[in-house]
Amino acid sequence: MRPAVHGLGTVAFGAFVALVGGGGLAAQTAPPSAPLTLEEALSIAVTNNKTIAAGRLQRPVDEAGVNVARERPNPDVSYEATRDTPHQTISTSFPLELGGKRGARTTAAQAAVATGAAELDQLIATVRDEVRRTYIDLAGAERKVAIEVEVADLYTRARDAAHARLLAGDAPRRDDVAAQADWLGAQNDVIAAQGEVDAIRASLNVLLGRPPASPLSLATTLEPVPVPTLEAALARTAQVNTDVEVIDRRIAEQTARISVARSLQMPDLTAGVGVTSGSQPDYNVGWLATAGIAIPLFTTHHAAVVVETAALTKLRADREALLADIGGAVSTALSRAASAATRYTNYQRDILPLTQQDEAFAQDAYQSGQTGLDALIFSLQHARERRLAGLQAALDFHLALADLERAITGPIR
């Protein structure tokens, strides 16, 4: 009866994993999608991501601000009726902006448009970073499922071997029970890994502007790829870094704001003309002309110039600090990528083949009665840890590349 119980547990577990791992019945019946490369995912995100789409709507706002800045002050029309002569007066006054206020406002608004465009590029770089990292996480999660399934198969062999030795009278019942419990624990690890795949896949779909439950398969092996030298990475940073572009645009905008503040130090002139009537017997219809200018006695706008100039000084200091941070981030990412690539190569070349030999030796030794179950389980636990360490080395490499692209804020090449 015992082998039948084992078989029934395997079938039931397989059905459960098929349901949970597939994201439900609807996800299983959905048509499979073509494998998606990382570059394709990045391209789709730039086109369809909701956050980027919302960010693009800022440009019409900024462009409308230019038209607002170009507007001129409206003239005033007034009517006055009194008992004194002249009894009625109709006049019009025209504010005349002096000191280049309108031109300064327009230049500042145009600089804001350029800043908005740079901020959109910065937003796109941020979304690209999220897509890259989520894509890597999903690829790693899928690979972890494969590892957990592979290790679960080893535990299945251990369980079967323990049961066979029990039936042959060569092992205690404790081995059979312990092997069954370890096998069930391995199946739980598969379920947990598959659940993580489904969760990360939903996150990536949202970043790509798709419904969370959309089918999605990846075309990646997580193998290390060539990385640029430090000099090439820094040169690339100087060409495409959006963080530097944004702060440069803000510096240009702040410079324009200083010009606006300085233009306000020039008082405006108000000129007017009017028509009077009802001043008989001196005259029936007369005219008047007015002119006025504000005296900068209390408000000189000097403080505004000081504020805007101080803000510009801070932006320039921020730029210097940003350049230093970028250089450090690029160097750090390249160092981590080199370390991870070496660890992954060591894993593939040396550690994995030796691990597979150790697994085979442990299985054979237990089946032949040379070792106990504890030694076999210990070997299988180490096999899982070594496989996950190899996967982590691959993930560390690609996450270092993600750090590098984030520091560059653009494609590495």
Protein backbone atom coordinates (compact mmCIF):
# COMPACT_ATOMS: atom_id res chain seq x y z
CA MET A 1 0.00 0.00 0.00
CA ARG A 2 2.86 2.40 0.72
CA PRO A 3 4.04 2.82 -2.89
CA ALA A 4 0.45 3.60 -3.86
CA VAL A 5 0.33 6.35 -1.26
CA HIS A 6 3.55 7.82 -2.65
CA GLY A 7 2.19 7.78 -6.17
CA LEU A 8 -1.10 9.36 -5.15
CA GLY A 9 0.78 12.15 -3.31
CA THR A 10 2.88 12.82 -6.39
CA VAL A 11 -0.17 13.04 -8.66
CA ALA A 12 -2.06 15.29 -6.26
CA PHE A 13 0.94 17.53 -5.81
CA GLY A 14 1.49 17.75 -9.55
CA ALA A 15 -2.12 18.80 -10.09
CA PHE A 16 -1.86 21.44 -7.37
CA VAL A 17 1.36 22.91 -8.76
CA ALA A 18 -0.15 22.98 -12.24
CA LEU A 19 -3.07 25.01 -10.92
CA VAL A 20 -1.14 27.38 -8.66
CA GLY A 21 1.96 27.71 -10.83
CA GLY A 22 -0.06 28.47 -13.92
CA GLY A 23 -1.80 31.37 -12.27
CA GLY A 24 -5.16 29.61 -12.34
CA LEU A 25 -7.22 27.95 -15.03
CA ALA A 26 -7.65 31.14 -17.05
CA ALA A 27 -3.90 31.66 -17.27
CA GLN A 28 -3.37 28.06 -18.40
CA THR A 29 -5.87 28.31 -21.22
CA ALA A 30 -4.46 31.65 -22.46
CA PRO A 31 -2.49 31.41 -25.69
CA PRO A 32 1.28 31.33 -25.12
CA SER A 33 3.17 34.46 -26.05
CA ALA A 34 6.46 34.58 -27.93
CA PRO A 35 9.52 34.74 -25.66
CA LEU A 36 10.29 38.36 -24.79
CA THR A 37 13.86 39.63 -24.83
CA LEU A 38 15.01 42.32 -22.43
CA GLU A 39 15.42 44.86 -25.24
CA GLU A 40 11.88 44.13 -26.45
CA ALA A 41 10.57 44.59 -22.92
CA LEU A 42 12.34 47.94 -22.60
CA SER A 43 10.96 49.09 -25.95
CA ILE A 44 7.40 48.05 -25.05
CA ALA A 45 7.64 49.85 -21.71
CA VAL A 46 8.77 53.12 -23.31
CA THR A 47 5.73 52.94 -25.61
CA ASN A 48 3.03 51.58 -23.32
CA ASN A 49 3.99 52.29 -19.70
CA LYS A 50 1.25 54.30 -17.97
CA THR A 51 3.66 56.39 -15.91
CA ILE A 52 5.58 57.44 -19.02
CA ALA A 53 2.32 58.18 -20.84
CA ALA A 54 1.27 60.46 -17.97
CA GLY A 55 4.69 62.12 -17.97
CA ARG A 56 4.36 62.99 -21.68
CA LEU A 57 1.27 65.04 -20.85
CA GLN A 58 3.44 67.58 -19.04
CA ARG A 59 4.84 69.00 -22.28
CA PRO A 60 1.56 70.64 -23.44
CA VAL A 61 1.35 72.25 -19.99
CA ASP A 62 4.88 73.65 -20.29
CA GLU A 63 4.28 74.88 -23.84
CA ALA A 64 1.10 76.64 -22.73
CA GLY A 65 3.23 78.34 -20.10
CA VAL A 66 5.29 79.94 -22.89
CA ASN A 67 2.14 81.49 -24.36
CA VAL A 68 1.17 82.76 -20.91
CA ALA A 69 4.60 84.36 -20.49
CA ARG A 70 4.24 86.14 -23.84
CA GLU A 71 0.97 87.85 -22.88
CA ARG A 72 0.99 91.64 -22.48
CA PRO A 73 -0.83 93.57 -19.71
CA ASN A 74 -4.39 94.62 -20.60
CA PRO A 75 -5.30 98.32 -20.88
CA ASP A 76 -7.70 99.82 -18.34
CA VAL A 77 -10.82 101.77 -19.35
CA SER A 78 -12.51 103.98 -16.74
CA TYR A 79 -15.57 106.25 -16.61
CA GLU A 80 -16.11 109.02 -14.09
CA ALA A 81 -19.15 111.26 -13.47
CA THR A 82 -19.09 114.13 -10.92
CA ARG A 83 -20.96 117.35 -10.01
CA ASP A 84 -17.79 119.28 -10.69
CA THR A 85 -16.72 120.27 -14.14
CA PRO A 86 -15.99 118.48 -16.30
CA HIS A 87 -18.97 116.36 -15.35
CA GLN A 88 -17.90 113.21 -17.28
CA THR A 89 -14.54 111.62 -18.07
CA ILE A 90 -13.73 108.52 -20.10
CA SER A 91 -10.09 107.47 -20.08
CA THR A 92 -7.86 104.57 -21.10
CA SER A 93 -4.48 103.67 -19.58
CA PHE A 94 -1.83 101.37 -21.08
CA PRO A 95 0.70 99.59 -18.81
CA LEU A 96 4.09 99.56 -20.51
CA GLU A 97 6.51 96.90 -19.22
CA LEU A 98 10.07 98.17 -19.09
CA GLY A 99 13.35 96.37 -18.47
CA GLY A 100 12.66 93.46 -20.83
CA LYS A 101 10.15 91.77 -18.49
CA ARG A 102 8.17 90.04 -21.23
CA GLY A 103 11.28 88.73 -22.97
CA ALA A 104 12.72 87.48 -19.67
CA ARG A 105 9.46 85.72 -18.79
CA THR A 106 9.32 84.07 -22.21
CA THR A 107 12.92 82.87 -21.97
CA ALA A 108 12.26 81.38 -18.52
CA ALA A 109 9.13 79.61 -19.79
CA GLN A 110 11.02 78.19 -22.77
CA ALA A 111 13.71 76.97 -20.39
CA ALA A 112 10.98 75.25 -18.38
CA VAL A 113 9.91 73.39 -21.54
CA ALA A 114 13.47 72.14 -21.98
CA THR A 115 13.59 71.11 -18.32
CA GLY A 116 10.33 69.21 -18.73
CA ALA A 117 11.71 67.35 -21.73
CA ALA A 118 14.81 66.38 -19.73
CA GLU A 119 12.65 65.25 -16.81
CA LEU A 120 10.67 63.04 -19.19
CA ASP A 121 13.93 61.44 -20.32
CA GLN A 122 14.79 60.97 -16.65
CA LEU A 123 11.41 59.34 -16.02
CA ILE A 124 11.92 57.00 -18.97
CA ALA A 125 15.33 56.04 -17.56
CA THR A 126 13.72 55.29 -14.20
CA VAL A 127 11.06 53.08 -15.79
CA ARG A 128 13.71 51.33 -17.89
CA ASP A 129 15.59 50.59 -14.68
CA GLU A 130 12.45 49.13 -13.08
CA VAL A 131 11.74 47.01 -16.16
CA ARG A 132 15.30 45.71 -16.34
CA ARG A 133 15.37 44.77 -12.66
CA THR A 134 11.92 43.17 -12.75
CA TYR A 135 12.85 41.25 -15.90
CA ILE A 136 16.00 39.97 -14.18
CA ASP A 137 14.02 39.08 -11.06
CA LEU A 138 11.51 37.14 -13.15
CA ALA A 139 14.24 35.31 -15.04
CA GLY A 140 15.89 34.43 -11.74
CA ALA A 141 12.58 33.33 -10.21
CA GLU A 142 11.89 31.06 -13.19
CA ARG A 143 15.36 29.58 -12.92
CA LYS A 144 14.80 29.04 -9.19
CA VAL A 145 11.65 27.06 -9.99
CA ALA A 146 13.73 24.83 -12.27
CA ILE A 147 16.30 24.37 -9.49
CA GLU A 148 13.64 23.56 -6.91
CA VAL A 149 12.05 21.03 -9.29
CA GLU A 150 15.46 19.48 -9.94
CA VAL A 151 16.18 19.24 -6.21
CA ALA A 152 12.67 17.89 -5.58
CA ASP A 153 13.44 15.10 -8.05
CA LEU A 154 16.52 14.26 -5.97
CA TYR A 155 14.38 14.12 -2.85
CA THR A 156 11.94 11.89 -4.71
CA ARG A 157 14.76 9.45 -5.42
CA ALA A 158 15.82 9.64 -1.79
CA ARG A 159 12.26 8.94 -0.63
CA ASP A 160 11.93 5.99 -2.99
CA ALA A 161 15.30 4.64 -1.93
CA ALA A 162 14.36 4.89 1.76
CA HIS A 163 11.07 3.09 1.14
CA ALA A 164 12.77 0.38 -0.87
CA ARG A 165 15.30 -0.19 1.91
CA LEU A 166 12.46 -0.30 4.45
CA LEU A 167 10.69 -3.00 2.48
CA ALA A 168 13.95 -4.90 2.18
CA GLY A 169 14.49 -4.67 5.93
CA ASP A 170 17.73 -2.68 5.51
CA ALA A 171 16.52 0.63 7.01
CA PRO A 172 14.33 1.67 9.94
CA ARG A 173 10.88 3.12 9.47
CA ARG A 174 12.27 6.43 10.70
CA ASP A 175 14.18 6.77 7.40
CA ASP A 176 10.97 6.25 5.44
CA VAL A 177 9.08 8.86 7.48
CA ALA A 178 11.93 11.39 7.41
CA ALA A 179 12.46 10.98 3.67
CA GLN A 180 8.73 11.48 3.06
CA ALA A 181 8.75 14.68 5.17
CA ASP A 182 11.81 16.03 3.32
CA TRP A 183 10.17 15.22 -0.01
CA LEU A 184 7.04 17.16 1.00
CA GLY A 185 9.22 20.06 2.10
CA ALA A 186 10.88 20.08 -1.33
CA GLN A 187 7.46 20.20 -2.99
CA ASN A 188 6.56 23.19 -0.83
CA ASP A 189 9.73 24.92 -2.02
CA VAL A 190 8.57 24.41 -5.61
CA ILE A 191 5.17 25.94 -4.80
CA ALA A 192 6.79 28.95 -3.11
CA ALA A 193 9.15 29.50 -6.04
CA GLN A 194 6.30 29.29 -8.56
CA GLY A 195 4.22 31.75 -6.54
CA GLU A 196 7.10 34.22 -6.68
CA VAL A 197 7.24 33.79 -10.46
CA ASP A 198 3.54 34.64 -10.77
CA ALA A 199 3.92 37.72 -8.54
CA ILE A 200 6.93 39.10 -10.41
CA ARG A 201 5.31 38.36 -13.78
CA ALA A 202 2.31 40.48 -12.75
CA SER A 203 4.65 43.35 -11.81
CA LEU A 204 6.46 43.16 -15.14
CA ASN A 205 3.18 43.09 -17.06
CA VAL A 206 2.07 46.29 -15.31
CA LEU A 207 5.36 47.98 -16.20
CA LEU A 208 4.79 46.96 -19.82
CA GLY A 209 1.30 48.46 -19.78
CA ARG A 210 -0.42 45.06 -19.86
CA PRO A 211 -3.03 43.43 -17.62
CA PRO A 212 -1.27 41.73 -14.68
CA ALA A 213 -2.48 38.24 -15.64
CA SER A 214 -1.26 38.43 -19.25
CA PRO A 215 0.83 35.41 -20.34
CA LEU A 216 4.51 36.24 -20.51
CA SER A 217 7.60 34.19 -21.25
CA LEU A 218 11.18 35.41 -21.29
CA ALA A 219 13.99 34.78 -23.76
CA THR A 220 17.05 34.90 -21.51
CA THR A 221 19.69 32.57 -20.12
CA LEU A 222 21.14 34.87 -17.43
CA GLU A 223 24.58 34.16 -18.83
CA PRO A 224 27.12 36.97 -18.24
CA VAL A 225 27.69 39.26 -21.21
CA PRO A 226 30.62 41.55 -22.05
CA VAL A 227 30.69 44.79 -20.07
CA PRO A 228 32.31 48.10 -21.04
CA THR A 229 35.51 49.36 -19.50
CA LEU A 230 35.39 52.09 -16.89
CA GLU A 231 36.58 54.66 -19.43
CA ALA A 232 33.93 53.62 -21.96
CA ALA A 233 31.20 53.65 -19.31
CA LEU A 234 32.15 57.14 -18.14
CA ALA A 235 32.25 58.36 -21.74
CA ARG A 236 28.81 56.89 -22.31
CA THR A 237 27.59 58.60 -19.16
CA ALA A 238 28.76 61.97 -20.43
CA GLN A 239 26.73 61.40 -23.62
CA VAL A 240 23.37 60.17 -22.34
CA ASN A 241 23.05 60.73 -18.59
CA THR A 242 19.57 62.14 -18.00
CA ASP A 243 20.24 63.18 -14.40
CA VAL A 244 22.98 65.52 -15.60
CA GLU A 245 20.75 66.68 -18.44
CA VAL A 246 17.96 67.55 -16.00
CA ILE A 247 20.22 69.55 -13.70
CA ASP A 248 21.79 71.36 -16.69
CA ARG A 249 18.30 72.33 -17.88
CA ARG A 250 17.41 73.47 -14.38
CA ILE A 251 20.54 75.60 -14.25
CA ALA A 252 19.54 77.21 -17.56
CA GLU A 253 16.01 77.76 -16.26
CA GLN A 254 17.33 79.27 -13.02
CA THR A 255 19.59 81.60 -14.97
CA ALA A 256 16.51 82.80 -16.84
CA ARG A 257 14.68 83.29 -13.54
CA ILE A 258 17.48 85.59 -12.38
CA SER A 259 16.90 87.67 -15.50
CA VAL A 260 13.19 87.83 -14.66
CA ALA A 261 13.98 88.97 -11.12
CA ARG A 262 16.35 91.65 -12.39
CA SER A 263 13.81 92.91 -14.90
CA LEU A 264 11.37 93.50 -12.06
CA GLN A 265 13.78 96.05 -10.61
CA MET A 266 12.84 98.36 -13.49
CA PRO A 267 9.49 100.05 -12.64
CA ASP A 268 6.76 99.96 -15.27
CA LEU A 269 5.25 103.02 -16.91
CA THR A 270 1.52 103.60 -17.24
CA ALA A 271 0.36 106.01 -19.99
CA GLY A 272 -3.24 107.07 -20.55
CA VAL A 273 -5.53 109.33 -22.59
CA GLY A 274 -9.08 110.41 -22.01
CA VAL A 275 -12.04 112.49 -23.12
CA THR A 276 -13.95 114.90 -20.90
CA SER A 277 -17.30 116.60 -21.36
CA GLY A 278 -19.69 118.86 -19.49
CA SER A 279 -17.43 121.79 -18.70
CA GLN A 280 -19.56 124.60 -20.13
CA PRO A 281 -19.14 127.45 -20.67
CA ASP A 282 -15.40 126.82 -21.04
CA TYR A 283 -15.71 123.93 -23.43
CA ASN A 284 -18.07 121.12 -24.29
CA VAL A 285 -15.57 118.32 -25.06
CA GLY A 286 -12.00 118.21 -23.83
CA TRP A 287 -9.12 115.77 -23.50
CA LEU A 288 -6.56 114.66 -20.97
CA ALA A 289 -3.28 112.73 -20.94
CA THR A 290 -1.76 110.87 -17.98
CA ALA A 291 1.50 109.16 -17.19
CA GLY A 292 2.61 107.33 -14.05
CA ILE A 293 5.52 105.30 -12.82
CA ALA A 294 5.97 103.34 -9.60
CA ILE A 295 8.67 104.66 -7.30
CA PRO A 296 10.81 101.75 -5.95
CA LEU A 297 10.81 103.10 -2.44
CA PHE A 298 9.78 100.05 -0.35
CA THR A 299 9.93 97.16 -2.82
CA THR A 300 13.10 97.12 -4.88
CA HIS A 301 13.04 93.41 -5.89
CA HIS A 302 16.69 93.16 -4.86
CA ALA A 303 15.82 90.35 -2.44
CA ALA A 304 14.29 88.33 -5.30
CA VAL A 305 17.55 88.59 -7.26
CA VAL A 306 19.49 87.38 -4.22
CA VAL A 307 17.15 84.39 -3.78
CA GLU A 308 17.33 83.32 -7.41
CA THR A 309 21.12 83.75 -7.49
CA ALA A 310 21.51 81.62 -4.36
CA ALA A 311 19.32 78.93 -5.92
CA LEU A 312 21.59 78.92 -8.99
CA THR A 313 24.68 78.54 -6.81
CA LYS A 314 23.12 75.53 -5.11
CA LEU A 315 22.19 73.92 -8.42
CA ARG A 316 25.77 74.22 -9.62
CA ALA A 317 27.00 72.60 -6.40
CA ASP A 318 24.40 69.86 -6.84
CA ARG A 319 25.77 69.22 -10.32
CA GLU A 320 29.30 68.76 -9.03
CA ALA A 321 28.07 66.37 -6.34
CA LEU A 322 26.01 64.44 -8.91
CA LEU A 323 29.00 63.97 -11.19
CA ALA A 324 31.03 62.59 -8.29
CA ASP A 325 28.20 60.20 -7.30
CA ILE A 326 27.81 58.99 -10.88
CA GLY A 327 31.51 58.25 -11.21
CA GLY A 328 31.43 56.25 -8.00
CA ALA A 329 28.28 54.36 -8.99
CA VAL A 330 29.73 53.41 -12.39
CA SER A 331 32.95 52.14 -10.83
CA THR A 332 31.07 50.20 -8.13
CA ALA A 333 28.73 48.54 -10.63
CA LEU A 334 31.61 47.43 -12.86
CA SER A 335 33.48 45.96 -9.88
CA ARG A 336 30.42 44.00 -8.76
CA ALA A 337 29.77 42.77 -12.29
CA ALA A 338 33.35 41.51 -12.61
CA SER A 339 33.15 39.70 -9.28
CA ALA A 340 29.80 38.09 -10.09
CA ALA A 341 30.98 36.98 -13.54
CA THR A 342 34.01 35.27 -11.99
CA ARG A 343 31.86 33.53 -9.38
CA TYR A 344 29.40 32.35 -12.01
CA THR A 345 32.21 30.99 -14.20
CA ASN A 346 33.63 29.12 -11.22
CA TYR A 347 30.21 27.69 -10.49
CA GLN A 348 29.62 26.46 -14.03
CA ARG A 349 33.15 25.16 -14.57
CA ASP A 350 33.96 23.60 -11.19
CA ILE A 351 31.29 23.73 -8.50
CA LEU A 352 28.28 22.38 -10.44
CA PRO A 353 30.07 19.32 -11.90
CA LEU A 354 31.48 18.44 -8.47
CA THR A 355 28.06 18.94 -6.89
CA GLN A 356 26.47 16.57 -9.37
CA GLN A 357 29.13 13.97 -8.63
CA ASP A 358 28.57 14.39 -4.89
CA GLU A 359 24.82 13.88 -5.38
CA ALA A 360 25.37 10.69 -7.33
CA PHE A 361 27.87 9.35 -4.79
CA ALA A 362 25.51 10.12 -1.91
CA GLN A 363 22.57 8.40 -3.63
CA ASP A 364 24.64 5.31 -4.44
CA ALA A 365 26.13 5.16 -0.96
CA TYR A 366 22.72 5.26 0.69
CA GLN A 367 21.12 2.76 -1.67
CA SER A 368 23.98 0.33 -1.05
CA GLY A 369 23.73 0.76 2.71
CA GLN A 370 27.15 2.38 3.12
CA THR A 371 25.71 5.60 4.69
CA GLY A 372 22.61 6.63 6.56
CA LEU A 373 19.74 8.85 5.46
CA ASP A 374 21.10 11.87 7.33
CA ALA A 375 24.23 11.89 5.17
CA LEU A 376 22.11 11.72 2.01
CA ILE A 377 19.80 14.55 3.10
CA PHE A 378 22.82 16.64 4.10
CA SER A 379 24.24 16.15 0.60
CA LEU A 380 20.93 17.11 -1.03
CA GLN A 381 20.65 20.24 1.11
CA HIS A 382 24.11 21.31 0.02
CA ALA A 383 23.21 20.55 -3.58
CA ARG A 384 20.29 22.97 -3.33
CA GLU A 385 22.41 25.65 -1.65
CA ARG A 386 25.13 25.38 -4.30
CA ARG A 387 22.64 25.60 -7.16
CA LEU A 388 21.03 28.67 -5.59
CA ALA A 389 24.47 30.20 -5.06
CA GLY A 390 25.20 29.76 -8.76
CA LEU A 391 21.89 31.37 -9.61
CA GLN A 392 22.64 34.25 -7.24
CA ALA A 393 25.98 34.85 -8.96
CA ALA A 394 24.17 35.18 -12.30
CA LEU A 395 21.57 37.49 -10.76
CA ASP A 396 24.27 39.57 -9.06
CA PHE A 397 25.94 40.07 -12.44
CA HIS A 398 22.80 41.27 -14.17
CA LEU A 399 21.76 43.42 -11.20
CA ALA A 400 25.21 45.03 -11.36
CA LEU A 401 24.52 45.77 -15.03
CA ALA A 402 21.20 47.29 -13.95
CA ASP A 403 23.11 49.46 -11.45
CA LEU A 404 25.46 50.46 -14.25
CA GLU A 405 22.62 51.43 -16.56
CA ARG A 406 20.95 53.35 -13.75
CA ALA A 407 24.19 55.26 -13.13
CA ILE A 408 24.47 55.97 -16.86
CA THR A 409 20.66 56.55 -16.99
CA GLY A 410 20.62 55.17 -20.50
CA PRO A 411 21.50 52.10 -22.54
CA ILE A 412 24.96 50.78 -21.73
CA ARG A 413 25.82 50.78 -25.42
